[in-house]
Amino acid sequence: MHKIQNSTEFYAVLMDEKNTIQKFIEILKKEEDALVQGKIDDVDFLASDKTRQVEKLMQLGEQRSQYLLSQGLSTDSVGMNEWLAKNVVNHSDVQILWDELLLLAKNAKEINQTNGLIISSQLQHNQRAFSALQSAAGNISMYGPKGQAFI
């Protein structure tokens, strides 16, 4: 992992983080479309892309955190806001970029939650269909969450 040495490199890392989050959002939107259309193979394919983007976001977040620590600041939003307050005169573009990053992160979270709800809904539908098929076949034994059989 590259250690950030100055505010120019810090800006570059934030820009990379923004670009990565935008790619992540694109993948989430494709995933949402695939889920709505029932294209499970596409969802599986997108999962590896999502994982790569998440790993990259984690690396970039770690670099950002390390830089803030090296500046004597906390790694949370308070530390970032303190850095911005100290450096906004020379780096107003960083404030704009940070605000964009926060907005993109919120957007990604909302899309991801929507996708989770779609998956949950489809899972419940499949579980009800499976139960109906078992009942119709006269085989109503089920298993509980700990593997115990219900008859």
C-alpha atoms as a PDB file:
ATOM      1  CA  MET A   1       0.000   0.000   0.000  1.00  0.00           C
ATOM      2  CA  HIS A   2       1.347   3.395  -1.007  1.00  0.00           C
ATOM      3  CA  LYS A   3       1.779   5.870   1.832  1.00  0.00           C
ATOM      4  CA  ILE A   4       0.451   9.351   1.046  1.00  0.00           C
ATOM      5  CA  GLN A   5       3.179  11.959   1.461  1.00  0.00           C
ATOM      6  CA  ASN A   6       1.373  15.248   0.763  1.00  0.00           C
ATOM      7  CA  SER A   7      -1.956  16.890   0.001  1.00  0.00           C
ATOM      8  CA  THR A   8      -1.514  16.403  -3.766  1.00  0.00           C
ATOM      9  CA  GLU A   9      -1.245  12.648  -3.303  1.00  0.00           C
ATOM     10  CA  PHE A  10      -4.152  12.814  -0.848  1.00  0.00           C
ATOM     11  CA  TYR A  11      -6.290  14.475  -3.512  1.00  0.00           C
ATOM     12  CA  ALA A  12      -5.266  11.770  -6.022  1.00  0.00           C
ATOM     13  CA  VAL A  13      -6.332   9.030  -3.599  1.00  0.00           C
ATOM     14  CA  LEU A  14      -9.678  10.742  -3.000  1.00  0.00           C
ATOM     15  CA  MET A  15     -10.165  11.039  -6.770  1.00  0.00           C
ATOM     16  CA  ASP A  16      -9.372   7.337  -7.172  1.00  0.00           C
ATOM     17  CA  GLU A  17     -11.846   6.594  -4.384  1.00  0.00           C
ATOM     18  CA  LYS A  18     -14.511   8.635  -6.185  1.00  0.00           C
ATOM     19  CA  ASN A  19     -13.886   6.818  -9.478  1.00  0.00           C
ATOM     20  CA  THR A  20     -13.966   3.445  -7.743  1.00  0.00           C
ATOM     21  CA  ILE A  21     -17.233   4.240  -5.970  1.00  0.00           C
ATOM     22  CA  GLN A  22     -18.741   5.295  -9.302  1.00  0.00           C
ATOM     23  CA  LYS A  23     -17.735   1.919 -10.803  1.00  0.00           C
ATOM     24  CA  PHE A  24     -19.201   0.210  -7.756  1.00  0.00           C
ATOM     25  CA  ILE A  25     -22.507   2.048  -8.251  1.00  0.00           C
ATOM     26  CA  GLU A  26     -22.569   1.000 -11.918  1.00  0.00           C
ATOM     27  CA  ILE A  27     -22.161  -2.624 -10.829  1.00  0.00           C
ATOM     28  CA  LEU A  28     -24.910  -2.235  -8.202  1.00  0.00           C
ATOM     29  CA  LYS A  29     -27.272  -0.851 -10.843  1.00  0.00           C
ATOM     30  CA  LYS A  30     -26.484  -3.776 -13.171  1.00  0.00           C
ATOM     31  CA  GLU A  31     -27.072  -6.119 -10.252  1.00  0.00           C
ATOM     32  CA  GLU A  32     -30.421  -4.469  -9.551  1.00  0.00           C
ATOM     33  CA  ASP A  33     -31.469  -4.886 -13.193  1.00  0.00           C
ATOM     34  CA  ALA A  34     -30.373  -8.529 -13.168  1.00  0.00           C
ATOM     35  CA  LEU A  35     -32.280  -9.186  -9.941  1.00  0.00           C
ATOM     36  CA  VAL A  36     -35.461  -7.572 -11.264  1.00  0.00           C
ATOM     37  CA  GLN A  37     -35.192  -9.563 -14.489  1.00  0.00           C
ATOM     38  CA  GLY A  38     -34.370 -12.798 -12.638  1.00  0.00           C
ATOM     39  CA  LYS A  39     -30.982 -13.218 -14.336  1.00  0.00           C
ATOM     40  CA  ILE A  40     -29.234 -15.041 -11.525  1.00  0.00           C
ATOM     41  CA  ASP A  41     -26.210 -15.952 -13.660  1.00  0.00           C
ATOM     42  CA  ASP A  42     -25.595 -12.236 -14.246  1.00  0.00           C
ATOM     43  CA  VAL A  43     -25.853 -11.596 -10.496  1.00  0.00           C
ATOM     44  CA  ASP A  44     -23.224 -14.279  -9.850  1.00  0.00           C
ATOM     45  CA  PHE A  45     -20.947 -12.761 -12.500  1.00  0.00           C
ATOM     46  CA  LEU A  46     -21.313  -9.269 -11.024  1.00  0.00           C
ATOM     47  CA  ALA A  47     -20.477 -10.507  -7.522  1.00  0.00           C
ATOM     48  CA  SER A  48     -16.792 -10.904  -8.361  1.00  0.00           C
ATOM     49  CA  ASP A  49     -16.695  -7.398  -9.870  1.00  0.00           C
ATOM     50  CA  LYS A  50     -18.364  -6.035  -6.733  1.00  0.00           C
ATOM     51  CA  THR A  51     -15.825  -7.784  -4.530  1.00  0.00           C
ATOM     52  CA  ARG A  52     -12.901  -6.291  -6.462  1.00  0.00           C
ATOM     53  CA  GLN A  53     -14.326  -2.784  -6.146  1.00  0.00           C
ATOM     54  CA  VAL A  54     -15.007  -3.229  -2.428  1.00  0.00           C
ATOM     55  CA  GLU A  55     -11.444  -4.427  -1.881  1.00  0.00           C
ATOM     56  CA  LYS A  56     -10.099  -1.404  -3.758  1.00  0.00           C
ATOM     57  CA  LEU A  57     -12.352   0.937  -1.762  1.00  0.00           C
ATOM     58  CA  MET A  58     -11.061  -0.609   1.455  1.00  0.00           C
ATOM     59  CA  GLN A  59      -7.445  -0.046   0.368  1.00  0.00           C
ATOM     60  CA  LEU A  60      -8.122   3.557  -0.583  1.00  0.00           C
ATOM     61  CA  GLY A  61      -9.994   4.156   2.668  1.00  0.00           C
ATOM     62  CA  GLU A  62      -7.045   2.736   4.570  1.00  0.00           C
ATOM     63  CA  GLN A  63      -4.668   5.089   2.725  1.00  0.00           C
ATOM     64  CA  ARG A  64      -6.924   8.035   3.571  1.00  0.00           C
ATOM     65  CA  SER A  65      -7.048   6.961   7.213  1.00  0.00           C
ATOM     66  CA  GLN A  66      -3.266   6.573   7.407  1.00  0.00           C
ATOM     67  CA  TYR A  67      -2.775  10.041   5.945  1.00  0.00           C
ATOM     68  CA  LEU A  68      -5.175  11.596   8.447  1.00  0.00           C
ATOM     69  CA  LEU A  69      -3.386   9.785  11.287  1.00  0.00           C
ATOM     70  CA  SER A  70      -0.047  11.088  10.006  1.00  0.00           C
ATOM     71  CA  GLN A  71      -1.523  14.587  10.271  1.00  0.00           C
ATOM     72  CA  GLY A  72      -2.463  13.979  13.912  1.00  0.00           C
ATOM     73  CA  LEU A  73      -6.166  13.628  13.121  1.00  0.00           C
ATOM     74  CA  SER A  74      -8.767  10.957  13.730  1.00  0.00           C
ATOM     75  CA  THR A  75      -9.726   8.692  10.849  1.00  0.00           C
ATOM     76  CA  ASP A  76     -13.433   9.444  10.990  1.00  0.00           C
ATOM     77  CA  SER A  77     -15.477  12.260   9.482  1.00  0.00           C
ATOM     78  CA  VAL A  78     -14.423  14.550  12.348  1.00  0.00           C
ATOM     79  CA  GLY A  79     -10.776  14.108  11.360  1.00  0.00           C
ATOM     80  CA  MET A  80     -11.554  14.682   7.707  1.00  0.00           C
ATOM     81  CA  ASN A  81     -13.537  17.821   8.516  1.00  0.00           C
ATOM     82  CA  GLU A  82     -10.675  19.091  10.667  1.00  0.00           C
ATOM     83  CA  TRP A  83      -8.221  18.507   7.801  1.00  0.00           C
ATOM     84  CA  LEU A  84     -10.537  20.315   5.407  1.00  0.00           C
ATOM     85  CA  ALA A  85     -10.951  23.244   7.806  1.00  0.00           C
ATOM     86  CA  LYS A  86      -7.177  23.618   8.101  1.00  0.00           C
ATOM     87  CA  ASN A  87      -6.517  23.231   4.377  1.00  0.00           C
ATOM     88  CA  VAL A  88      -9.606  24.584   2.593  1.00  0.00           C
ATOM     89  CA  VAL A  89      -7.883  27.835   1.556  1.00  0.00           C
ATOM     90  CA  ASN A  90      -5.282  25.931  -0.427  1.00  0.00           C
ATOM     91  CA  HIS A  91      -7.453  22.945  -1.323  1.00  0.00           C
ATOM     92  CA  SER A  92     -11.076  23.957  -1.882  1.00  0.00           C
ATOM     93  CA  ASP A  93     -11.163  21.329  -4.650  1.00  0.00           C
ATOM     94  CA  VAL A  94     -10.675  18.655  -1.966  1.00  0.00           C
ATOM     95  CA  GLN A  95     -13.797  19.879  -0.147  1.00  0.00           C
ATOM     96  CA  ILE A  96     -15.797  19.577  -3.362  1.00  0.00           C
ATOM     97  CA  LEU A  97     -14.371  16.112  -4.023  1.00  0.00           C
ATOM     98  CA  TRP A  98     -15.082  14.990  -0.448  1.00  0.00           C
ATOM     99  CA  ASP A  99     -18.687  16.195  -0.681  1.00  0.00           C
ATOM    100  CA  GLU A 100     -19.084  14.259  -3.957  1.00  0.00           C
ATOM    101  CA  LEU A 101     -17.616  11.156  -2.323  1.00  0.00           C
ATOM    102  CA  LEU A 102     -20.049  11.356   0.572  1.00  0.00           C
ATOM    103  CA  LEU A 103     -22.974  11.724  -1.810  1.00  0.00           C
ATOM    104  CA  LEU A 104     -21.807   8.776  -3.929  1.00  0.00           C
ATOM    105  CA  ALA A 105     -21.335   6.622  -0.818  1.00  0.00           C
ATOM    106  CA  LYS A 106     -24.882   7.426   0.290  1.00  0.00           C
ATOM    107  CA  ASN A 107     -26.171   6.537  -3.182  1.00  0.00           C
ATOM    108  CA  ALA A 108     -24.255   3.236  -3.181  1.00  0.00           C
ATOM    109  CA  LYS A 109     -25.641   2.372   0.253  1.00  0.00           C
ATOM    110  CA  GLU A 110     -29.224   3.027  -0.894  1.00  0.00           C
ATOM    111  CA  ILE A 111     -28.867   0.926  -4.062  1.00  0.00           C
ATOM    112  CA  ASN A 112     -27.223  -1.871  -2.088  1.00  0.00           C
ATOM    113  CA  GLN A 113     -30.071  -1.826   0.451  1.00  0.00           C
ATOM    114  CA  THR A 114     -32.611  -1.976  -2.391  1.00  0.00           C
ATOM    115  CA  ASN A 115     -30.793  -4.951  -3.886  1.00  0.00           C
ATOM    116  CA  GLY A 116     -30.799  -6.633  -0.484  1.00  0.00           C
ATOM    117  CA  LEU A 117     -34.568  -6.131  -0.216  1.00  0.00           C
ATOM    118  CA  ILE A 118     -35.079  -7.612  -3.685  1.00  0.00           C
ATOM    119  CA  ILE A 119     -32.970 -10.631  -2.771  1.00  0.00           C
ATOM    120  CA  SER A 120     -34.817 -11.059   0.532  1.00  0.00           C
ATOM    121  CA  SER A 121     -38.188 -10.850  -1.208  1.00  0.00           C
ATOM    122  CA  GLN A 122     -37.174 -13.404  -3.820  1.00  0.00           C
ATOM    123  CA  LEU A 123     -35.811 -15.711  -1.138  1.00  0.00           C
ATOM    124  CA  GLN A 124     -39.097 -15.550   0.796  1.00  0.00           C
ATOM    125  CA  HIS A 125     -41.008 -16.260  -2.410  1.00  0.00           C
ATOM    126  CA  ASN A 126     -38.797 -19.278  -3.136  1.00  0.00           C
ATOM    127  CA  GLN A 127     -39.199 -20.577   0.423  1.00  0.00           C
ATOM    128  CA  ARG A 128     -42.997 -20.322   0.178  1.00  0.00           C
ATOM    129  CA  ALA A 129     -42.964 -22.074  -3.196  1.00  0.00           C
ATOM    130  CA  PHE A 130     -40.759 -24.838  -1.801  1.00  0.00           C
ATOM    131  CA  SER A 131     -43.088 -25.318   1.174  1.00  0.00           C
ATOM    132  CA  ALA A 132     -46.098 -25.463  -1.135  1.00  0.00           C
ATOM    133  CA  LEU A 133     -44.400 -28.095  -3.288  1.00  0.00           C
ATOM    134  CA  GLN A 134     -43.516 -30.176  -0.246  1.00  0.00           C
ATOM    135  CA  SER A 135     -47.090 -29.978   1.036  1.00  0.00           C
ATOM    136  CA  ALA A 136     -48.496 -30.926  -2.350  1.00  0.00           C
ATOM    137  CA  ALA A 137     -46.170 -33.930  -2.436  1.00  0.00           C
ATOM    138  CA  GLY A 138     -47.345 -35.013   1.015  1.00  0.00           C
ATOM    139  CA  ASN A 139     -43.896 -34.501   2.447  1.00  0.00           C
ATOM    140  CA  ILE A 140     -44.269 -31.779   5.017  1.00  0.00           C
ATOM    141  CA  SER A 141     -41.143 -32.441   7.016  1.00  0.00           C
ATOM    142  CA  MET A 142     -39.027 -29.343   7.342  1.00  0.00           C
ATOM    143  CA  TYR A 143     -35.777 -28.468   9.015  1.00  0.00           C
ATOM    144  CA  GLY A 144     -35.313 -25.692  11.532  1.00  0.00           C
ATOM    145  CA  PRO A 145     -32.408 -23.249  11.662  1.00  0.00           C
ATOM    146  CA  LYS A 146     -30.371 -25.690  13.808  1.00  0.00           C
ATOM    147  CA  GLY A 147     -31.033 -28.670  11.520  1.00  0.00           C
ATOM    148  CA  GLN A 148     -33.750 -30.259  13.658  1.00  0.00           C
ATOM    149  CA  ALA A 149     -36.497 -32.026  11.722  1.00  0.00           C
ATOM    150  CA  PHE A 150     -40.101 -30.832  11.959  1.00  0.00           C
ATOM    151  CA  ILE A 151     -42.816 -33.263  10.971  1.00  0.00           C
END
